[in-house]
Amino acid sequence: MDEKHVLENFRRQIIITIDQLVKLLQCSVITARRRLKKWQAYTSINKNGRYYTLPQIPVFDKNGLWKYQAILFSKHGNLKQTIVALIADSQKGLSAIEIAELVGLVPNSSFLSQFKDVPGVKREKHQGRFIYLSDRPKIYTRQKQRWATIAFPTDAQAVVILVQMIKHPDIGIEQIAGHLSAQGQSVEVAAIRRFLRFHDLLKKTSDTKL
């Protein structure tokens, strides 16, 4: 099959694997990879980079990501380059949970542990959890300032929140806020939600849809 027909077939399929392309081109893997490079094809950042798509096909979202079925592509490059770019583009850096949600990793993925030494990223601890900031001075300063303005419950209030969740597994965020208020501690519902989301506890409340 000539290159024109291969490209037409590729476009119809949306995505393709190297084995499928080798069969279409009736060539070696090396030659198939050369064609992909020539066509400036994107490589998936998940599924072990097994899938490719042509540059005219993806419609990237505001984060530069595009998902077809369960296969994720990025305009930023490979997975590591994508995470560095997402961190730099964020308003306040990203937590491990936020990164995982964006690029389809499990929150405790060992892959993220590599980012303590990756150029372009600074990893720091906030509220007992790591956050990932850009190492570019102007962006870093702006992101740090944003973290300073984010309202979280105090440590004492956090203890009360966690105790209430343990005692009452189905308790809602507004009920937690009401309990704190009854103790003379006023904490906004948004601050409690932010705290729970940051620590990956939001799904354990009954009103995560709020």
C-alpha atoms as a PDB file:
ATOM      1  CA  MET A   1       0.000   0.000   0.000  1.00  0.00           C
ATOM      2  CA  ASP A   2       1.455   3.393  -0.973  1.00  0.00           C
ATOM      3  CA  GLU A   3       1.958   6.198   1.549  1.00  0.00           C
ATOM      4  CA  LYS A   4      -1.111   8.167   0.474  1.00  0.00           C
ATOM      5  CA  HIS A   5      -3.427   5.235   1.094  1.00  0.00           C
ATOM      6  CA  VAL A   6      -1.669   4.397   4.355  1.00  0.00           C
ATOM      7  CA  LEU A   7      -2.279   7.946   5.604  1.00  0.00           C
ATOM      8  CA  GLU A   8      -5.933   7.764   4.560  1.00  0.00           C
ATOM      9  CA  ASN A   9      -6.284   4.500   6.440  1.00  0.00           C
ATOM     10  CA  PHE A  10      -4.476   5.996   9.443  1.00  0.00           C
ATOM     11  CA  ARG A  11      -6.849   8.977   9.527  1.00  0.00           C
ATOM     12  CA  ARG A  12      -9.892   6.714   9.431  1.00  0.00           C
ATOM     13  CA  GLN A  13      -8.563   4.610  12.298  1.00  0.00           C
ATOM     14  CA  ILE A  14      -7.756   7.762  14.355  1.00  0.00           C
ATOM     15  CA  ILE A  15      -5.006   5.911  16.235  1.00  0.00           C
ATOM     16  CA  ILE A  16      -2.571   3.193  15.234  1.00  0.00           C
ATOM     17  CA  THR A  17       0.049   0.911  16.769  1.00  0.00           C
ATOM     18  CA  ILE A  18       3.484   0.303  15.324  1.00  0.00           C
ATOM     19  CA  ASP A  19       2.546  -3.290  14.459  1.00  0.00           C
ATOM     20  CA  GLN A  20      -0.506  -2.127  12.531  1.00  0.00           C
ATOM     21  CA  LEU A  21       1.560   0.436  10.650  1.00  0.00           C
ATOM     22  CA  VAL A  22       4.212  -2.153   9.765  1.00  0.00           C
ATOM     23  CA  LYS A  23       1.485  -4.318   8.203  1.00  0.00           C
ATOM     24  CA  LEU A  24       0.001  -1.411   6.265  1.00  0.00           C
ATOM     25  CA  LEU A  25       3.374  -0.251   4.942  1.00  0.00           C
ATOM     26  CA  GLN A  26       4.743  -3.787   4.597  1.00  0.00           C
ATOM     27  CA  CYS A  27       8.035  -2.575   5.991  1.00  0.00           C
ATOM     28  CA  SER A  28      10.328  -2.942   9.006  1.00  0.00           C
ATOM     29  CA  VAL A  29       9.680  -1.402  12.412  1.00  0.00           C
ATOM     30  CA  ILE A  30      12.587   1.013  11.855  1.00  0.00           C
ATOM     31  CA  THR A  31      11.061   2.250   8.586  1.00  0.00           C
ATOM     32  CA  ALA A  32       7.630   2.602  10.205  1.00  0.00           C
ATOM     33  CA  ARG A  33       9.119   4.724  12.995  1.00  0.00           C
ATOM     34  CA  ARG A  34      10.830   6.921  10.398  1.00  0.00           C
ATOM     35  CA  ARG A  35       7.475   7.495   8.721  1.00  0.00           C
ATOM     36  CA  LEU A  36       5.880   8.445  12.031  1.00  0.00           C
ATOM     37  CA  LYS A  37       8.660  10.948  12.625  1.00  0.00           C
ATOM     38  CA  LYS A  38       8.244  12.322   9.103  1.00  0.00           C
ATOM     39  CA  TRP A  39       4.489  12.723   9.676  1.00  0.00           C
ATOM     40  CA  GLN A  40       5.154  14.361  13.073  1.00  0.00           C
ATOM     41  CA  ALA A  41       2.806  11.880  14.712  1.00  0.00           C
ATOM     42  CA  TYR A  42       1.963  12.162  18.407  1.00  0.00           C
ATOM     43  CA  THR A  43       2.779   9.269  20.728  1.00  0.00           C
ATOM     44  CA  SER A  44       0.373   8.390  23.536  1.00  0.00           C
ATOM     45  CA  ILE A  45       1.564   9.372  27.002  1.00  0.00           C
ATOM     46  CA  ASN A  46      -0.163   6.371  28.560  1.00  0.00           C
ATOM     47  CA  LYS A  47      -0.576   2.723  27.480  1.00  0.00           C
ATOM     48  CA  ASN A  48       3.238   2.459  27.380  1.00  0.00           C
ATOM     49  CA  GLY A  49       3.376   4.832  24.394  1.00  0.00           C
ATOM     50  CA  ARG A  50       1.939   2.129  22.123  1.00  0.00           C
ATOM     51  CA  TYR A  51      -0.399   4.367  20.132  1.00  0.00           C
ATOM     52  CA  TYR A  52       0.138   7.088  17.551  1.00  0.00           C
ATOM     53  CA  THR A  53      -2.065   9.696  15.950  1.00  0.00           C
ATOM     54  CA  LEU A  54      -1.536  12.246  13.191  1.00  0.00           C
ATOM     55  CA  PRO A  55      -1.052  15.916  14.150  1.00  0.00           C
ATOM     56  CA  GLN A  56      -4.237  16.994  12.334  1.00  0.00           C
ATOM     57  CA  ILE A  57      -6.462  14.720  14.403  1.00  0.00           C
ATOM     58  CA  PRO A  58      -6.295  15.746  18.111  1.00  0.00           C
ATOM     59  CA  VAL A  59      -8.428  18.563  19.472  1.00  0.00           C
ATOM     60  CA  PHE A  60      -6.435  19.449  22.568  1.00  0.00           C
ATOM     61  CA  ASP A  61      -8.133  20.851  25.657  1.00  0.00           C
ATOM     62  CA  LYS A  62      -6.948  23.863  27.669  1.00  0.00           C
ATOM     63  CA  ASN A  63      -4.259  21.682  29.268  1.00  0.00           C
ATOM     64  CA  GLY A  64      -2.922  20.535  25.907  1.00  0.00           C
ATOM     65  CA  LEU A  65      -4.350  17.035  26.361  1.00  0.00           C
ATOM     66  CA  TRP A  66      -6.577  14.922  24.119  1.00  0.00           C
ATOM     67  CA  LYS A  67      -8.133  11.587  24.969  1.00  0.00           C
ATOM     68  CA  TYR A  68      -9.440   9.079  22.456  1.00  0.00           C
ATOM     69  CA  GLN A  69     -11.247   6.269  24.223  1.00  0.00           C
ATOM     70  CA  ALA A  70      -8.807   5.575  27.096  1.00  0.00           C
ATOM     71  CA  ILE A  71      -5.710   6.689  25.180  1.00  0.00           C
ATOM     72  CA  LEU A  72      -4.175  10.046  26.121  1.00  0.00           C
ATOM     73  CA  PHE A  73      -2.081  12.308  23.912  1.00  0.00           C
ATOM     74  CA  SER A  74      -0.296  15.541  24.777  1.00  0.00           C
ATOM     75  CA  LYS A  75       0.902  18.465  22.702  1.00  0.00           C
ATOM     76  CA  HIS A  76       3.720  18.940  25.239  1.00  0.00           C
ATOM     77  CA  GLY A  77       5.609  15.732  24.383  1.00  0.00           C
ATOM     78  CA  ASN A  78       6.112  12.621  26.503  1.00  0.00           C
ATOM     79  CA  LEU A  79       4.639  12.067  29.975  1.00  0.00           C
ATOM     80  CA  LYS A  80       7.501  13.709  31.849  1.00  0.00           C
ATOM     81  CA  GLN A  81       7.543  16.750  29.535  1.00  0.00           C
ATOM     82  CA  THR A  82       3.771  16.995  29.858  1.00  0.00           C
ATOM     83  CA  ILE A  83       3.823  17.028  33.656  1.00  0.00           C
ATOM     84  CA  VAL A  84       6.549  19.703  33.704  1.00  0.00           C
ATOM     85  CA  ALA A  85       4.469  21.835  31.305  1.00  0.00           C
ATOM     86  CA  LEU A  86       1.255  21.347  33.282  1.00  0.00           C
ATOM     87  CA  ILE A  87       3.001  22.400  36.493  1.00  0.00           C
ATOM     88  CA  ALA A  88       4.447  25.517  34.836  1.00  0.00           C
ATOM     89  CA  ASP A  89       1.069  26.461  33.343  1.00  0.00           C
ATOM     90  CA  SER A  90      -0.836  26.048  36.617  1.00  0.00           C
ATOM     91  CA  GLN A  91      -1.748  28.980  38.835  1.00  0.00           C
ATOM     92  CA  LYS A  92      -0.388  27.491  42.068  1.00  0.00           C
ATOM     93  CA  GLY A  93       1.549  24.395  41.075  1.00  0.00           C
ATOM     94  CA  LEU A  94      -0.067  20.975  41.378  1.00  0.00           C
ATOM     95  CA  SER A  95      -0.431  18.324  44.041  1.00  0.00           C
ATOM     96  CA  ALA A  96       0.300  14.685  43.230  1.00  0.00           C
ATOM     97  CA  ILE A  97      -3.443  14.016  43.206  1.00  0.00           C
ATOM     98  CA  GLU A  98      -4.075  16.800  40.684  1.00  0.00           C
ATOM     99  CA  ILE A  99      -1.252  15.575  38.427  1.00  0.00           C
ATOM    100  CA  ALA A 100      -2.545  12.013  38.617  1.00  0.00           C
ATOM    101  CA  GLU A 101      -6.069  13.114  37.684  1.00  0.00           C
ATOM    102  CA  LEU A 102      -4.836  15.098  34.695  1.00  0.00           C
ATOM    103  CA  VAL A 103      -2.594  12.445  33.148  1.00  0.00           C
ATOM    104  CA  GLY A 104      -4.365   9.292  34.275  1.00  0.00           C
ATOM    105  CA  LEU A 105      -1.915   8.009  36.885  1.00  0.00           C
ATOM    106  CA  VAL A 106      -2.809   6.462  40.213  1.00  0.00           C
ATOM    107  CA  PRO A 107      -2.269   9.102  42.957  1.00  0.00           C
ATOM    108  CA  ASN A 108       0.514   7.125  44.648  1.00  0.00           C
ATOM    109  CA  SER A 109       2.290   6.315  41.394  1.00  0.00           C
ATOM    110  CA  SER A 110       6.030   5.768  41.816  1.00  0.00           C
ATOM    111  CA  PHE A 111       6.472   7.761  38.605  1.00  0.00           C
ATOM    112  CA  LEU A 112       5.775  11.004  40.495  1.00  0.00           C
ATOM    113  CA  SER A 113       8.569  10.296  42.974  1.00  0.00           C
ATOM    114  CA  GLN A 114      11.006  11.027  40.126  1.00  0.00           C
ATOM    115  CA  PHE A 115       9.901  14.642  40.096  1.00  0.00           C
ATOM    116  CA  LYS A 116      11.879  15.648  43.143  1.00  0.00           C
ATOM    117  CA  ASP A 117      14.940  15.864  40.862  1.00  0.00           C
ATOM    118  CA  VAL A 118      13.443  16.709  37.455  1.00  0.00           C
ATOM    119  CA  PRO A 119      14.674  19.948  35.806  1.00  0.00           C
ATOM    120  CA  GLY A 120      11.817  22.430  35.584  1.00  0.00           C
ATOM    121  CA  VAL A 121      10.159  21.333  38.829  1.00  0.00           C
ATOM    122  CA  LYS A 122      10.495  22.086  42.542  1.00  0.00           C
ATOM    123  CA  ARG A 123       8.846  19.702  44.999  1.00  0.00           C
ATOM    124  CA  GLU A 124       7.908  21.134  48.389  1.00  0.00           C
ATOM    125  CA  LYS A 125       5.778  20.037  51.328  1.00  0.00           C
ATOM    126  CA  HIS A 126       2.567  21.870  52.200  1.00  0.00           C
ATOM    127  CA  GLN A 127      -0.020  20.759  54.757  1.00  0.00           C
ATOM    128  CA  GLY A 128       1.810  17.432  55.033  1.00  0.00           C
ATOM    129  CA  ARG A 129       1.681  16.690  51.301  1.00  0.00           C
ATOM    130  CA  PHE A 130       4.014  17.367  48.410  1.00  0.00           C
ATOM    131  CA  ILE A 131       3.207  20.080  45.908  1.00  0.00           C
ATOM    132  CA  TYR A 132       5.011  20.518  42.607  1.00  0.00           C
ATOM    133  CA  LEU A 133       5.988  24.014  41.496  1.00  0.00           C
ATOM    134  CA  SER A 134       7.854  25.385  38.510  1.00  0.00           C
ATOM    135  CA  ASP A 135      11.537  26.140  39.105  1.00  0.00           C
ATOM    136  CA  ARG A 136      11.348  29.182  36.814  1.00  0.00           C
ATOM    137  CA  PRO A 137      11.846  32.090  39.268  1.00  0.00           C
ATOM    138  CA  LYS A 138       8.919  34.306  38.227  1.00  0.00           C
ATOM    139  CA  ILE A 139       6.459  31.420  37.975  1.00  0.00           C
ATOM    140  CA  TYR A 140       7.721  29.893  41.230  1.00  0.00           C
ATOM    141  CA  THR A 141       7.230  33.163  43.125  1.00  0.00           C
ATOM    142  CA  ARG A 142       3.705  33.595  41.756  1.00  0.00           C
ATOM    143  CA  GLN A 143       2.747  30.019  42.571  1.00  0.00           C
ATOM    144  CA  LYS A 144       4.102  30.272  46.115  1.00  0.00           C
ATOM    145  CA  GLN A 145       2.150  33.472  46.666  1.00  0.00           C
ATOM    146  CA  ARG A 146      -1.035  31.721  45.570  1.00  0.00           C
ATOM    147  CA  TRP A 147      -0.462  28.934  48.103  1.00  0.00           C
ATOM    148  CA  ALA A 148      -0.018  31.559  50.821  1.00  0.00           C
ATOM    149  CA  THR A 149      -3.501  32.934  50.090  1.00  0.00           C
ATOM    150  CA  ILE A 150      -5.290  29.556  50.027  1.00  0.00           C
ATOM    151  CA  ALA A 151      -7.405  29.097  53.140  1.00  0.00           C
ATOM    152  CA  PHE A 152      -7.058  25.742  54.885  1.00  0.00           C
ATOM    153  CA  PRO A 153      -8.437  24.736  58.299  1.00  0.00           C
ATOM    154  CA  THR A 154      -5.962  25.080  61.154  1.00  0.00           C
ATOM    155  CA  ASP A 155      -4.291  21.920  62.468  1.00  0.00           C
ATOM    156  CA  ALA A 156      -6.735  21.826  65.387  1.00  0.00           C
ATOM    157  CA  GLN A 157      -9.699  22.219  63.046  1.00  0.00           C
ATOM    158  CA  ALA A 158      -8.281  19.521  60.768  1.00  0.00           C
ATOM    159  CA  VAL A 159      -8.216  17.103  63.705  1.00  0.00           C
ATOM    160  CA  VAL A 160     -11.892  17.840  64.438  1.00  0.00           C
ATOM    161  CA  ILE A 161     -12.780  17.298  60.768  1.00  0.00           C
ATOM    162  CA  LEU A 162     -10.988  13.951  60.627  1.00  0.00           C
ATOM    163  CA  VAL A 163     -12.491  12.777  63.922  1.00  0.00           C
ATOM    164  CA  GLN A 164     -15.985  13.614  62.678  1.00  0.00           C
ATOM    165  CA  MET A 165     -15.358  11.689  59.454  1.00  0.00           C
ATOM    166  CA  ILE A 166     -14.176   8.648  61.414  1.00  0.00           C
ATOM    167  CA  LYS A 167     -17.131   8.761  63.816  1.00  0.00           C
ATOM    168  CA  HIS A 168     -19.667   9.537  61.095  1.00  0.00           C
ATOM    169  CA  PRO A 169     -18.533   8.009  57.738  1.00  0.00           C
ATOM    170  CA  ASP A 170     -21.567   9.444  55.894  1.00  0.00           C
ATOM    171  CA  ILE A 171     -21.216  12.968  57.240  1.00  0.00           C
ATOM    172  CA  GLY A 172     -21.398  15.801  54.718  1.00  0.00           C
ATOM    173  CA  ILE A 173     -19.148  18.849  54.398  1.00  0.00           C
ATOM    174  CA  GLU A 174     -21.864  21.252  55.525  1.00  0.00           C
ATOM    175  CA  GLN A 175     -22.510  19.081  58.581  1.00  0.00           C
ATOM    176  CA  ILE A 176     -18.788  19.184  59.417  1.00  0.00           C
ATOM    177  CA  ALA A 177     -18.853  22.979  59.079  1.00  0.00           C
ATOM    178  CA  GLY A 178     -21.901  23.095  61.353  1.00  0.00           C
ATOM    179  CA  HIS A 179     -20.177  20.972  63.981  1.00  0.00           C
ATOM    180  CA  LEU A 180     -17.149  23.280  63.958  1.00  0.00           C
ATOM    181  CA  SER A 181     -19.418  26.316  64.195  1.00  0.00           C
ATOM    182  CA  ALA A 182     -21.155  24.812  67.237  1.00  0.00           C
ATOM    183  CA  GLN A 183     -17.731  24.629  68.854  1.00  0.00           C
ATOM    184  CA  GLY A 184     -17.153  28.295  68.138  1.00  0.00           C
ATOM    185  CA  GLN A 185     -14.851  27.666  65.181  1.00  0.00           C
ATOM    186  CA  SER A 186     -16.040  29.214  61.955  1.00  0.00           C
ATOM    187  CA  VAL A 187     -14.640  27.420  58.882  1.00  0.00           C
ATOM    188  CA  GLU A 188     -15.997  27.962  55.377  1.00  0.00           C
ATOM    189  CA  VAL A 189     -17.426  24.962  53.557  1.00  0.00           C
ATOM    190  CA  ALA A 190     -15.084  25.748  50.648  1.00  0.00           C
ATOM    191  CA  ALA A 191     -12.053  25.587  52.953  1.00  0.00           C
ATOM    192  CA  ILE A 192     -13.108  22.179  54.305  1.00  0.00           C
ATOM    193  CA  ARG A 193     -13.713  20.879  50.781  1.00  0.00           C
ATOM    194  CA  ARG A 194     -10.317  22.212  49.671  1.00  0.00           C
ATOM    195  CA  PHE A 195      -8.626  20.503  52.617  1.00  0.00           C
ATOM    196  CA  LEU A 196     -10.348  17.169  51.911  1.00  0.00           C
ATOM    197  CA  ARG A 197      -9.624  17.326  48.189  1.00  0.00           C
ATOM    198  CA  PHE A 198      -5.970  18.139  48.817  1.00  0.00           C
ATOM    199  CA  HIS A 199      -5.640  15.071  51.047  1.00  0.00           C
ATOM    200  CA  ASP A 200      -7.699  12.863  48.713  1.00  0.00           C
ATOM    201  CA  LEU A 201     -10.471  12.499  51.289  1.00  0.00           C
ATOM    202  CA  LEU A 202     -13.263  14.294  49.461  1.00  0.00           C
ATOM    203  CA  LYS A 203     -14.705  11.081  47.995  1.00  0.00           C
ATOM    204  CA  LYS A 204     -15.253   9.796  51.533  1.00  0.00           C
ATOM    205  CA  THR A 205     -17.890  12.433  52.287  1.00  0.00           C
ATOM    206  CA  SER A 206     -21.541  12.150  51.286  1.00  0.00           C
ATOM    207  CA  ASP A 207     -21.699  15.461  49.436  1.00  0.00           C
ATOM    208  CA  THR A 208     -18.724  15.349  47.097  1.00  0.00           C
ATOM    209  CA  LYS A 209     -21.015  16.559  44.363  1.00  0.00           C
ATOM    210  CA  LEU A 210     -21.281  19.970  46.010  1.00  0.00           C
END
